[in-house]
Amino acid sequence: TRDNKAKYVDVALATSAAPTYLPLSEIEM
């Protein structure tokens, strides 16, 4: 019961935040 309300955009940024290439992803939810 954890992730179904998460936005696709937020998850996409979280999985692709490559260190030194892109910033850390931060999710309000």
mmCIF file of all heavy atoms, coordinates in Angstrom:
data_MODEL
# 
_entry.id   MODEL 
# 
loop_
_atom_site.group_PDB 
_atom_site.id 
_atom_site.type_symbol 
_atom_site.label_atom_id 
_atom_site.label_alt_id 
_atom_site.label_comp_id 
_atom_site.label_asym_id 
_atom_site.label_entity_id 
_atom_site.label_seq_id 
_atom_site.pdbx_PDB_ins_code 
_atom_site.Cartn_x 
_atom_site.Cartn_y 
_atom_site.Cartn_z 
_atom_site.occupancy 
_atom_site.B_iso_or_equiv 
_atom_site.pdbx_formal_charge 
_atom_site.auth_seq_id 
_atom_site.auth_comp_id 
_atom_site.auth_asym_id 
_atom_site.auth_atom_id 
_atom_site.pdbx_PDB_model_num 
ATOM 1   N N   . THR A 1 1  ? 0.833  -1.210 0.000   1.00 0.00 ? 1  THR A N   1 
ATOM 2   C CA  . THR A 1 1  ? 0.000  0.000  0.000   1.00 0.00 ? 1  THR A CA  1 
ATOM 3   C C   . THR A 1 1  ? 0.865  1.256  0.000   1.00 0.00 ? 1  THR A C   1 
ATOM 4   O O   . THR A 1 1  ? 0.490  2.269  0.576   1.00 0.00 ? 1  THR A O   1 
ATOM 5   C CB  . THR A 1 1  ? -0.921 0.032  1.237   1.00 0.00 ? 1  THR A CB  1 
ATOM 6   O OG1 . THR A 1 1  ? -0.109 -0.023 2.429   1.00 0.00 ? 1  THR A OG1 1 
ATOM 7   C CG2 . THR A 1 1  ? -1.921 -1.103 1.247   1.00 0.00 ? 1  THR A CG2 1 
ATOM 8   N N   . ARG A 1 2  ? 2.011  1.227  -0.674  1.00 0.00 ? 2  ARG A N   1 
ATOM 9   C CA  . ARG A 1 2  ? 2.959  2.337  -0.545  1.00 0.00 ? 2  ARG A CA  1 
ATOM 10  C C   . ARG A 1 2  ? 3.087  3.232  -1.771  1.00 0.00 ? 2  ARG A C   1 
ATOM 11  O O   . ARG A 1 2  ? 3.144  4.459  -1.653  1.00 0.00 ? 2  ARG A O   1 
ATOM 12  C CB  . ARG A 1 2  ? 4.348  1.768  -0.219  1.00 0.00 ? 2  ARG A CB  1 
ATOM 13  C CG  . ARG A 1 2  ? 5.375  2.811  0.174   1.00 0.00 ? 2  ARG A CG  1 
ATOM 14  C CD  . ARG A 1 2  ? 6.764  2.217  0.296   1.00 0.00 ? 2  ARG A CD  1 
ATOM 15  N NE  . ARG A 1 2  ? 7.300  1.793  -0.997  1.00 0.00 ? 2  ARG A NE  1 
ATOM 16  C CZ  . ARG A 1 2  ? 8.496  1.240  -1.176  1.00 0.00 ? 2  ARG A CZ  1 
ATOM 17  N NH1 . ARG A 1 2  ? 9.268  1.005  -0.131  1.00 0.00 ? 2  ARG A NH1 1 
ATOM 18  N NH2 . ARG A 1 2  ? 8.902  0.893  -2.379  1.00 0.00 ? 2  ARG A NH2 1 
ATOM 19  N N   . ASP A 1 3  ? 3.122  2.642  -2.965  1.00 0.00 ? 3  ASP A N   1 
ATOM 20  C CA  . ASP A 1 3  ? 3.592  3.397  -4.128  1.00 0.00 ? 3  ASP A CA  1 
ATOM 21  C C   . ASP A 1 3  ? 2.538  3.771  -5.165  1.00 0.00 ? 3  ASP A C   1 
ATOM 22  O O   . ASP A 1 3  ? 2.835  4.532  -6.080  1.00 0.00 ? 3  ASP A O   1 
ATOM 23  C CB  . ASP A 1 3  ? 4.691  2.595  -4.850  1.00 0.00 ? 3  ASP A CB  1 
ATOM 24  C CG  . ASP A 1 3  ? 5.934  2.422  -3.994  1.00 0.00 ? 3  ASP A CG  1 
ATOM 25  O OD1 . ASP A 1 3  ? 6.217  3.300  -3.160  1.00 0.00 ? 3  ASP A OD1 1 
ATOM 26  O OD2 . ASP A 1 3  ? 6.623  1.398  -4.167  1.00 0.00 ? 3  ASP A OD2 1 
ATOM 27  N N   . ASN A 1 4  ? 1.320  3.255  -5.058  1.00 0.00 ? 4  ASN A N   1 
ATOM 28  C CA  . ASN A 1 4  ? 0.359  3.473  -6.138  1.00 0.00 ? 4  ASN A CA  1 
ATOM 29  C C   . ASN A 1 4  ? -0.007 4.935  -6.372  1.00 0.00 ? 4  ASN A C   1 
ATOM 30  O O   . ASN A 1 4  ? -0.422 5.311  -7.455  1.00 0.00 ? 4  ASN A O   1 
ATOM 31  C CB  . ASN A 1 4  ? -0.927 2.659  -5.897  1.00 0.00 ? 4  ASN A CB  1 
ATOM 32  C CG  . ASN A 1 4  ? -0.858 1.303  -6.577  1.00 0.00 ? 4  ASN A CG  1 
ATOM 33  O OD1 . ASN A 1 4  ? 0.210  0.864  -7.005  1.00 0.00 ? 4  ASN A OD1 1 
ATOM 34  N ND2 . ASN A 1 4  ? -1.993 0.638  -6.677  1.00 0.00 ? 4  ASN A ND2 1 
ATOM 35  N N   . LYS A 1 5  ? 0.156  5.761  -5.348  1.00 0.00 ? 5  LYS A N   1 
ATOM 36  C CA  . LYS A 1 5  ? -0.166 7.185  -5.515  1.00 0.00 ? 5  LYS A CA  1 
ATOM 37  C C   . LYS A 1 5  ? 1.033  8.010  -5.972  1.00 0.00 ? 5  LYS A C   1 
ATOM 38  O O   . LYS A 1 5  ? 0.919  9.213  -6.211  1.00 0.00 ? 5  LYS A O   1 
ATOM 39  C CB  . LYS A 1 5  ? -0.718 7.751  -4.201  1.00 0.00 ? 5  LYS A CB  1 
ATOM 40  C CG  . LYS A 1 5  ? -2.075 7.172  -3.809  1.00 0.00 ? 5  LYS A CG  1 
ATOM 41  C CD  . LYS A 1 5  ? -2.583 7.791  -2.518  1.00 0.00 ? 5  LYS A CD  1 
ATOM 42  C CE  . LYS A 1 5  ? -3.931 7.199  -2.114  1.00 0.00 ? 5  LYS A CE  1 
ATOM 43  N NZ  . LYS A 1 5  ? -4.431 7.787  -0.831  1.00 0.00 ? 5  LYS A NZ  1 
ATOM 44  N N   . ALA A 1 6  ? 2.177  7.359  -6.121  1.00 0.00 ? 6  ALA A N   1 
ATOM 45  C CA  . ALA A 1 6  ? 3.384  8.065  -6.573  1.00 0.00 ? 6  ALA A CA  1 
ATOM 46  C C   . ALA A 1 6  ? 3.247  8.448  -8.046  1.00 0.00 ? 6  ALA A C   1 
ATOM 47  O O   . ALA A 1 6  ? 2.739  7.681  -8.862  1.00 0.00 ? 6  ALA A O   1 
ATOM 48  C CB  . ALA A 1 6  ? 4.611  7.193  -6.372  1.00 0.00 ? 6  ALA A CB  1 
ATOM 49  N N   . LYS A 1 7  ? 3.716  9.617  -8.400  1.00 0.00 ? 7  LYS A N   1 
ATOM 50  C CA  . LYS A 1 7  ? 3.641  10.081 -9.784  1.00 0.00 ? 7  LYS A CA  1 
ATOM 51  C C   . LYS A 1 7  ? 4.737  9.426  -10.629 1.00 0.00 ? 7  LYS A C   1 
ATOM 52  O O   . LYS A 1 7  ? 5.853  9.238  -10.175 1.00 0.00 ? 7  LYS A O   1 
ATOM 53  C CB  . LYS A 1 7  ? 3.796  11.601 -9.837  1.00 0.00 ? 7  LYS A CB  1 
ATOM 54  C CG  . LYS A 1 7  ? 2.649  12.374 -9.213  1.00 0.00 ? 7  LYS A CG  1 
ATOM 55  C CD  . LYS A 1 7  ? 2.874  13.872 -9.356  1.00 0.00 ? 7  LYS A CD  1 
ATOM 56  C CE  . LYS A 1 7  ? 1.717  14.668 -8.746  1.00 0.00 ? 7  LYS A CE  1 
ATOM 57  N NZ  . LYS A 1 7  ? 1.946  16.126 -8.876  1.00 0.00 ? 7  LYS A NZ  1 
ATOM 58  N N   . TYR A 1 8  ? 4.370  9.105  -11.839 1.00 0.00 ? 8  TYR A N   1 
ATOM 59  C CA  . TYR A 1 8  ? 5.347  8.551  -12.776 1.00 0.00 ? 8  TYR A CA  1 
ATOM 60  C C   . TYR A 1 8  ? 6.571  9.453  -12.901 1.00 0.00 ? 8  TYR A C   1 
ATOM 61  O O   . TYR A 1 8  ? 7.711  8.974  -12.950 1.00 0.00 ? 8  TYR A O   1 
ATOM 62  C CB  . TYR A 1 8  ? 4.706  8.368  -14.155 1.00 0.00 ? 8  TYR A CB  1 
ATOM 63  C CG  . TYR A 1 8  ? 4.090  7.010  -14.388 1.00 0.00 ? 8  TYR A CG  1 
ATOM 64  C CD1 . TYR A 1 8  ? 2.933  6.610  -13.716 1.00 0.00 ? 8  TYR A CD1 1 
ATOM 65  C CD2 . TYR A 1 8  ? 4.655  6.116  -15.282 1.00 0.00 ? 8  TYR A CD2 1 
ATOM 66  C CE1 . TYR A 1 8  ? 2.360  5.375  -13.940 1.00 0.00 ? 8  TYR A CE1 1 
ATOM 67  C CE2 . TYR A 1 8  ? 4.098  4.870  -15.519 1.00 0.00 ? 8  TYR A CE2 1 
ATOM 68  C CZ  . TYR A 1 8  ? 2.946  4.503  -14.841 1.00 0.00 ? 8  TYR A CZ  1 
ATOM 69  O OH  . TYR A 1 8  ? 2.403  3.262  -15.057 1.00 0.00 ? 8  TYR A OH  1 
ATOM 70  N N   . VAL A 1 9  ? 6.343  10.750 -12.971 1.00 0.00 ? 9  VAL A N   1 
ATOM 71  C CA  . VAL A 1 9  ? 7.454  11.702 -13.136 1.00 0.00 ? 9  VAL A CA  1 
ATOM 72  C C   . VAL A 1 9  ? 8.428  11.592 -11.972 1.00 0.00 ? 9  VAL A C   1 
ATOM 73  O O   . VAL A 1 9  ? 9.651  11.549 -12.166 1.00 0.00 ? 9  VAL A O   1 
ATOM 74  C CB  . VAL A 1 9  ? 6.927  13.139 -13.271 1.00 0.00 ? 9  VAL A CB  1 
ATOM 75  C CG1 . VAL A 1 9  ? 8.086  14.136 -13.249 1.00 0.00 ? 9  VAL A CG1 1 
ATOM 76  C CG2 . VAL A 1 9  ? 6.118  13.297 -14.552 1.00 0.00 ? 9  VAL A CG2 1 
ATOM 77  N N   . ASP A 1 10 ? 7.904  11.533 -10.749 1.00 0.00 ? 10 ASP A N   1 
ATOM 78  C CA  . ASP A 1 10 ? 8.773  11.460 -9.571  1.00 0.00 ? 10 ASP A CA  1 
ATOM 79  C C   . ASP A 1 10 ? 9.582  10.167 -9.550  1.00 0.00 ? 10 ASP A C   1 
ATOM 80  O O   . ASP A 1 10 ? 10.775 10.167 -9.220  1.00 0.00 ? 10 ASP A O   1 
ATOM 81  C CB  . ASP A 1 10 ? 7.935  11.571 -8.293  1.00 0.00 ? 10 ASP A CB  1 
ATOM 82  C CG  . ASP A 1 10 ? 7.394  12.972 -8.063  1.00 0.00 ? 10 ASP A CG  1 
ATOM 83  O OD1 . ASP A 1 10 ? 7.975  13.928 -8.614  1.00 0.00 ? 10 ASP A OD1 1 
ATOM 84  O OD2 . ASP A 1 10 ? 6.395  13.111 -7.331  1.00 0.00 ? 10 ASP A OD2 1 
ATOM 85  N N   . VAL A 1 11 ? 8.935  9.050  -9.882  1.00 0.00 ? 11 VAL A N   1 
ATOM 86  C CA  . VAL A 1 11 ? 9.631  7.763  -9.886  1.00 0.00 ? 11 VAL A CA  1 
ATOM 87  C C   . VAL A 1 11 ? 10.700 7.744  -10.983 1.00 0.00 ? 11 VAL A C   1 
ATOM 88  O O   . VAL A 1 11 ? 11.817 7.246  -10.783 1.00 0.00 ? 11 VAL A O   1 
ATOM 89  C CB  . VAL A 1 11 ? 8.637  6.607  -10.064 1.00 0.00 ? 11 VAL A CB  1 
ATOM 90  C CG1 . VAL A 1 11 ? 9.380  5.274  -10.195 1.00 0.00 ? 11 VAL A CG1 1 
ATOM 91  C CG2 . VAL A 1 11 ? 7.664  6.553  -8.885  1.00 0.00 ? 11 VAL A CG2 1 
ATOM 92  N N   . ALA A 1 12 ? 10.376 8.299  -12.139 1.00 0.00 ? 12 ALA A N   1 
ATOM 93  C CA  . ALA A 1 12 ? 11.335 8.347  -13.240 1.00 0.00 ? 12 ALA A CA  1 
ATOM 94  C C   . ALA A 1 12 ? 12.576 9.152  -12.863 1.00 0.00 ? 12 ALA A C   1 
ATOM 95  O O   . ALA A 1 12 ? 13.708 8.757  -13.168 1.00 0.00 ? 12 ALA A O   1 
ATOM 96  C CB  . ALA A 1 12 ? 10.675 8.944  -14.483 1.00 0.00 ? 12 ALA A CB  1 
ATOM 97  N N   . LEU A 1 13 ? 12.382 10.267 -12.191 1.00 0.00 ? 13 LEU A N   1 
ATOM 98  C CA  . LEU A 1 13 ? 13.520 11.078 -11.759 1.00 0.00 ? 13 LEU A CA  1 
ATOM 99  C C   . LEU A 1 13 ? 14.328 10.363 -10.681 1.00 0.00 ? 13 LEU A C   1 
ATOM 100 O O   . LEU A 1 13 ? 15.556 10.455 -10.649 1.00 0.00 ? 13 LEU A O   1 
ATOM 101 C CB  . LEU A 1 13 ? 13.032 12.431 -11.234 1.00 0.00 ? 13 LEU A CB  1 
ATOM 102 C CG  . LEU A 1 13 ? 12.487 13.404 -12.286 1.00 0.00 ? 13 LEU A CG  1 
ATOM 103 C CD1 . LEU A 1 13 ? 11.840 14.606 -11.613 1.00 0.00 ? 13 LEU A CD1 1 
ATOM 104 C CD2 . LEU A 1 13 ? 13.587 13.867 -13.241 1.00 0.00 ? 13 LEU A CD2 1 
ATOM 105 N N   . ALA A 1 14 ? 13.643 9.621  -9.820  1.00 0.00 ? 14 ALA A N   1 
ATOM 106 C CA  . ALA A 1 14 ? 14.326 8.923  -8.725  1.00 0.00 ? 14 ALA A CA  1 
ATOM 107 C C   . ALA A 1 14 ? 15.201 7.784  -9.225  1.00 0.00 ? 14 ALA A C   1 
ATOM 108 O O   . ALA A 1 14 ? 16.297 7.556  -8.712  1.00 0.00 ? 14 ALA A O   1 
ATOM 109 C CB  . ALA A 1 14 ? 13.301 8.392  -7.726  1.00 0.00 ? 14 ALA A CB  1 
ATOM 110 N N   . THR A 1 15 ? 14.734 7.057  -10.217 1.00 0.00 ? 15 THR A N   1 
ATOM 111 C CA  . THR A 1 15 ? 15.512 5.913  -10.702 1.00 0.00 ? 15 THR A CA  1 
ATOM 112 C C   . THR A 1 15 ? 16.657 6.329  -11.612 1.00 0.00 ? 15 THR A C   1 
ATOM 113 O O   . THR A 1 15 ? 17.581 5.559  -11.851 1.00 0.00 ? 15 THR A O   1 
ATOM 114 C CB  . THR A 1 15 ? 14.613 4.903  -11.446 1.00 0.00 ? 15 THR A CB  1 
ATOM 115 O OG1 . THR A 1 15 ? 15.354 3.704  -11.697 1.00 0.00 ? 15 THR A OG1 1 
ATOM 116 C CG2 . THR A 1 15 ? 14.104 5.445  -12.768 1.00 0.00 ? 15 THR A CG2 1 
ATOM 117 N N   . SER A 1 16 ? 16.631 7.577  -12.126 1.00 0.00 ? 16 SER A N   1 
ATOM 118 C CA  . SER A 1 16 ? 17.622 7.993  -13.125 1.00 0.00 ? 16 SER A CA  1 
ATOM 119 C C   . SER A 1 16 ? 18.555 9.104  -12.650 1.00 0.00 ? 16 SER A C   1 
ATOM 120 O O   . SER A 1 16 ? 19.280 9.686  -13.458 1.00 0.00 ? 16 SER A O   1 
ATOM 121 C CB  . SER A 1 16 ? 16.906 8.448  -14.405 1.00 0.00 ? 16 SER A CB  1 
ATOM 122 O OG  . SER A 1 16 ? 16.024 9.533  -14.139 1.00 0.00 ? 16 SER A OG  1 
ATOM 123 N N   . ALA A 1 17 ? 18.570 9.388  -11.350 1.00 0.00 ? 17 ALA A N   1 
ATOM 124 C CA  . ALA A 1 17 ? 19.408 10.469 -10.812 1.00 0.00 ? 17 ALA A CA  1 
ATOM 125 C C   . ALA A 1 17 ? 20.848 9.985  -10.639 1.00 0.00 ? 17 ALA A C   1 
ATOM 126 O O   . ALA A 1 17 ? 21.319 9.741  -9.519  1.00 0.00 ? 17 ALA A O   1 
ATOM 127 C CB  . ALA A 1 17 ? 18.830 10.960 -9.486  1.00 0.00 ? 17 ALA A CB  1 
ATOM 128 N N   . ALA A 1 18 ? 21.552 9.832  -11.751 1.00 0.00 ? 18 ALA A N   1 
ATOM 129 C CA  . ALA A 1 18 ? 22.914 9.285  -11.740 1.00 0.00 ? 18 ALA A CA  1 
ATOM 130 C C   . ALA A 1 18 ? 23.870 10.220 -11.006 1.00 0.00 ? 18 ALA A C   1 
ATOM 131 O O   . ALA A 1 18 ? 23.974 11.400 -11.365 1.00 0.00 ? 18 ALA A O   1 
ATOM 132 C CB  . ALA A 1 18 ? 23.397 9.065  -13.171 1.00 0.00 ? 18 ALA A CB  1 
ATOM 133 N N   . PRO A 1 19 ? 24.577 9.722  -9.980  1.00 0.00 ? 19 PRO A N   1 
ATOM 134 C CA  . PRO A 1 19 ? 25.492 10.572 -9.213  1.00 0.00 ? 19 PRO A CA  1 
ATOM 135 C C   . PRO A 1 19 ? 26.528 11.253 -10.109 1.00 0.00 ? 19 PRO A C   1 
ATOM 136 O O   . PRO A 1 19 ? 27.119 10.617 -10.992 1.00 0.00 ? 19 PRO A O   1 
ATOM 137 C CB  . PRO A 1 19 ? 26.166 9.573  -8.256  1.00 0.00 ? 19 PRO A CB  1 
ATOM 138 C CG  . PRO A 1 19 ? 25.164 8.481  -8.097  1.00 0.00 ? 19 PRO A CG  1 
ATOM 139 C CD  . PRO A 1 19 ? 24.506 8.354  -9.439  1.00 0.00 ? 19 PRO A CD  1 
ATOM 140 N N   . THR A 1 20 ? 26.725 12.525 -9.875  1.00 0.00 ? 20 THR A N   1 
ATOM 141 C CA  . THR A 1 20 ? 27.618 13.457 -10.576 1.00 0.00 ? 20 THR A CA  1 
ATOM 142 C C   . THR A 1 20 ? 27.087 13.860 -11.952 1.00 0.00 ? 20 THR A C   1 
ATOM 143 O O   . THR A 1 20 ? 27.579 14.808 -12.548 1.00 0.00 ? 20 THR A O   1 
ATOM 144 C CB  . THR A 1 20 ? 29.069 12.940 -10.729 1.00 0.00 ? 20 THR A CB  1 
ATOM 145 O OG1 . THR A 1 20 ? 29.159 11.967 -11.763 1.00 0.00 ? 20 THR A OG1 1 
ATOM 146 C CG2 . THR A 1 20 ? 29.601 12.382 -9.412  1.00 0.00 ? 20 THR A CG2 1 
ATOM 147 N N   . TYR A 1 21 ? 26.072 13.145 -12.480 1.00 0.00 ? 21 TYR A N   1 
ATOM 148 C CA  . TYR A 1 21 ? 25.485 13.514 -13.765 1.00 0.00 ? 21 TYR A CA  1 
ATOM 149 C C   . TYR A 1 21 ? 24.237 14.366 -13.585 1.00 0.00 ? 21 TYR A C   1 
ATOM 150 O O   . TYR A 1 21 ? 24.056 15.372 -14.266 1.00 0.00 ? 21 TYR A O   1 
ATOM 151 C CB  . TYR A 1 21 ? 25.121 12.263 -14.566 1.00 0.00 ? 21 TYR A CB  1 
ATOM 152 C CG  . TYR A 1 21 ? 26.302 11.522 -15.134 1.00 0.00 ? 21 TYR A CG  1 
ATOM 153 C CD1 . TYR A 1 21 ? 26.925 10.513 -14.412 1.00 0.00 ? 21 TYR A CD1 1 
ATOM 154 C CD2 . TYR A 1 21 ? 26.791 11.826 -16.398 1.00 0.00 ? 21 TYR A CD2 1 
ATOM 155 C CE1 . TYR A 1 21 ? 28.017 9.821  -14.934 1.00 0.00 ? 21 TYR A CE1 1 
ATOM 156 C CE2 . TYR A 1 21 ? 27.884 11.138 -16.930 1.00 0.00 ? 21 TYR A CE2 1 
ATOM 157 C CZ  . TYR A 1 21 ? 28.490 10.143 -16.186 1.00 0.00 ? 21 TYR A CZ  1 
ATOM 158 O OH  . TYR A 1 21 ? 29.567 9.465  -16.705 1.00 0.00 ? 21 TYR A OH  1 
ATOM 159 N N   . LEU A 1 22 ? 23.349 13.924 -12.686 1.00 0.00 ? 22 LEU A N   1 
ATOM 160 C CA  . LEU A 1 22 ? 22.075 14.605 -12.450 1.00 0.00 ? 22 LEU A CA  1 
ATOM 161 C C   . LEU A 1 22 ? 21.876 14.795 -10.945 1.00 0.00 ? 22 LEU A C   1 
ATOM 162 O O   . LEU A 1 22 ? 22.413 14.033 -10.139 1.00 0.00 ? 22 LEU A O   1 
ATOM 163 C CB  . LEU A 1 22 ? 20.916 13.783 -13.030 1.00 0.00 ? 22 LEU A CB  1 
ATOM 164 C CG  . LEU A 1 22 ? 20.848 13.699 -14.560 1.00 0.00 ? 22 LEU A CG  1 
ATOM 165 C CD1 . LEU A 1 22 ? 19.865 12.623 -14.995 1.00 0.00 ? 22 LEU A CD1 1 
ATOM 166 C CD2 . LEU A 1 22 ? 20.456 15.044 -15.166 1.00 0.00 ? 22 LEU A CD2 1 
ATOM 167 N N   . PRO A 1 23 ? 21.084 15.796 -10.551 1.00 0.00 ? 23 PRO A N   1 
ATOM 168 C CA  . PRO A 1 23 ? 20.872 16.062 -9.121  1.00 0.00 ? 23 PRO A CA  1 
ATOM 169 C C   . PRO A 1 23 ? 20.133 14.936 -8.421  1.00 0.00 ? 23 PRO A C   1 
ATOM 170 O O   . PRO A 1 23 ? 19.447 14.122 -9.046  1.00 0.00 ? 23 PRO A O   1 
ATOM 171 C CB  . PRO A 1 23 ? 20.014 17.343 -9.130  1.00 0.00 ? 23 PRO A CB  1 
ATOM 172 C CG  . PRO A 1 23 ? 20.192 17.936 -10.476 1.00 0.00 ? 23 PRO A CG  1 
ATOM 173 C CD  . PRO A 1 23 ? 20.430 16.796 -11.414 1.00 0.00 ? 23 PRO A CD  1 
ATOM 174 N N   . LEU A 1 24 ? 20.270 14.893 -7.106  1.00 0.00 ? 24 LEU A N   1 
ATOM 175 C CA  . LEU A 1 24 ? 19.440 14.012 -6.290  1.00 0.00 ? 24 LEU A CA  1 
ATOM 176 C C   . LEU A 1 24 ? 17.969 14.296 -6.576  1.00 0.00 ? 24 LEU A C   1 
ATOM 177 O O   . LEU A 1 24 ? 17.574 15.439 -6.801  1.00 0.00 ? 24 LEU A O   1 
ATOM 178 C CB  . LEU A 1 24 ? 19.697 14.267 -4.806  1.00 0.00 ? 24 LEU A CB  1 
ATOM 179 C CG  . LEU A 1 24 ? 21.029 13.827 -4.198  1.00 0.00 ? 24 LEU A CG  1 
ATOM 180 C CD1 . LEU A 1 24 ? 21.231 14.518 -2.861  1.00 0.00 ? 24 LEU A CD1 1 
ATOM 181 C CD2 . LEU A 1 24 ? 21.037 12.330 -4.009  1.00 0.00 ? 24 LEU A CD2 1 
ATOM 182 N N   . SER A 1 25 ? 17.170 13.237 -6.557  1.00 0.00 ? 25 SER A N   1 
ATOM 183 C CA  . SER A 1 25 ? 15.728 13.395 -6.682  1.00 0.00 ? 25 SER A CA  1 
ATOM 184 C C   . SER A 1 25 ? 15.119 13.488 -5.282  1.00 0.00 ? 25 SER A C   1 
ATOM 185 O O   . SER A 1 25 ? 15.534 12.766 -4.373  1.00 0.00 ? 25 SER A O   1 
ATOM 186 C CB  . SER A 1 25 ? 15.139 12.202 -7.426  1.00 0.00 ? 25 SER A CB  1 
ATOM 187 O OG  . SER A 1 25 ? 13.735 12.215 -7.373  1.00 0.00 ? 25 SER A OG  1 
ATOM 188 N N   . GLU A 1 26 ? 14.153 14.360 -5.111  1.00 0.00 ? 26 GLU A N   1 
ATOM 189 C CA  . GLU A 1 26 ? 13.496 14.547 -3.812  1.00 0.00 ? 26 GLU A CA  1 
ATOM 190 C C   . GLU A 1 26 ? 11.993 14.442 -4.013  1.00 0.00 ? 26 GLU A C   1 
ATOM 191 O O   . GLU A 1 26 ? 11.429 15.133 -4.863  1.00 0.00 ? 26 GLU A O   1 
ATOM 192 C CB  . GLU A 1 26 ? 13.870 15.923 -3.249  1.00 0.00 ? 26 GLU A CB  1 
ATOM 193 C CG  . GLU A 1 26 ? 13.396 16.177 -1.834  1.00 0.00 ? 26 GLU A CG  1 
ATOM 194 C CD  . GLU A 1 26 ? 13.935 17.508 -1.309  1.00 0.00 ? 26 GLU A CD  1 
ATOM 195 O OE1 . GLU A 1 26 ? 13.284 18.546 -1.567  1.00 0.00 ? 26 GLU A OE1 1 
ATOM 196 O OE2 . GLU A 1 26 ? 14.999 17.505 -0.675  1.00 0.00 ? 26 GLU A OE2 1 
ATOM 197 N N   . ILE A 1 27 ? 11.324 13.568 -3.242  1.00 0.00 ? 27 ILE A N   1 
ATOM 198 C CA  . ILE A 1 27 ? 9.897  13.313 -3.451  1.00 0.00 ? 27 ILE A CA  1 
ATOM 199 C C   . ILE A 1 27 ? 9.106  13.696 -2.201  1.00 0.00 ? 27 ILE A C   1 
ATOM 200 O O   . ILE A 1 27 ? 9.294  13.108 -1.127  1.00 0.00 ? 27 ILE A O   1 
ATOM 201 C CB  . ILE A 1 27 ? 9.641  11.841 -3.816  1.00 0.00 ? 27 ILE A CB  1 
ATOM 202 C CG1 . ILE A 1 27 ? 10.486 11.434 -5.038  1.00 0.00 ? 27 ILE A CG1 1 
ATOM 203 C CG2 . ILE A 1 27 ? 8.163  11.626 -4.096  1.00 0.00 ? 27 ILE A CG2 1 
ATOM 204 C CD1 . ILE A 1 27 ? 10.280 9.998  -5.478  1.00 0.00 ? 27 ILE A CD1 1 
ATOM 205 N N   . GLU A 1 28 ? 8.217  14.646 -2.355  1.00 0.00 ? 28 GLU A N   1 
ATOM 206 C CA  . GLU A 1 28 ? 7.401  15.135 -1.239  1.00 0.00 ? 28 GLU A CA  1 
ATOM 207 C C   . GLU A 1 28 ? 6.560  14.023 -0.629  1.00 0.00 ? 28 GLU A C   1 
ATOM 208 O O   . GLU A 1 28 ? 6.424  13.920 0.592   1.00 0.00 ? 28 GLU A O   1 
ATOM 209 C CB  . GLU A 1 28 ? 6.494  16.261 -1.729  1.00 0.00 ? 28 GLU A CB  1 
ATOM 210 C CG  . GLU A 1 28 ? 5.591  16.839 -0.665  1.00 0.00 ? 28 GLU A CG  1 
ATOM 211 C CD  . GLU A 1 28 ? 4.683  17.930 -1.194  1.00 0.00 ? 28 GLU A CD  1 
ATOM 212 O OE1 . GLU A 1 28 ? 4.783  18.270 -2.391  1.00 0.00 ? 28 GLU A OE1 1 
ATOM 213 O OE2 . GLU A 1 28 ? 3.857  18.449 -0.405  1.00 0.00 ? 28 GLU A OE2 1 
ATOM 214 N N   . MET A 1 29 ? 5.997  13.142 -1.490  1.00 0.00 ? 29 MET A N   1 
ATOM 215 C CA  . MET A 1 29 ? 5.104  12.087 -1.018  1.00 0.00 ? 29 MET A CA  1 
ATOM 216 C C   . MET A 1 29 ? 5.789  11.169 -0.006  1.00 0.00 ? 29 MET A C   1 
ATOM 217 O O   . MET A 1 29 ? 5.127  10.604 0.870   1.00 0.00 ? 29 MET A O   1 
ATOM 218 C CB  . MET A 1 29 ? 4.603  11.279 -2.216  1.00 0.00 ? 29 MET A CB  1 
ATOM 219 C CG  . MET A 1 29 ? 3.745  10.082 -1.845  1.00 0.00 ? 29 MET A CG  1 
ATOM 220 S SD  . MET A 1 29 ? 3.228  9.149  -3.294  1.00 0.00 ? 29 MET A SD  1 
ATOM 221 C CE  . MET A 1 29 ? 2.887  7.562  -2.530  1.00 0.00 ? 29 MET A CE  1 
# 
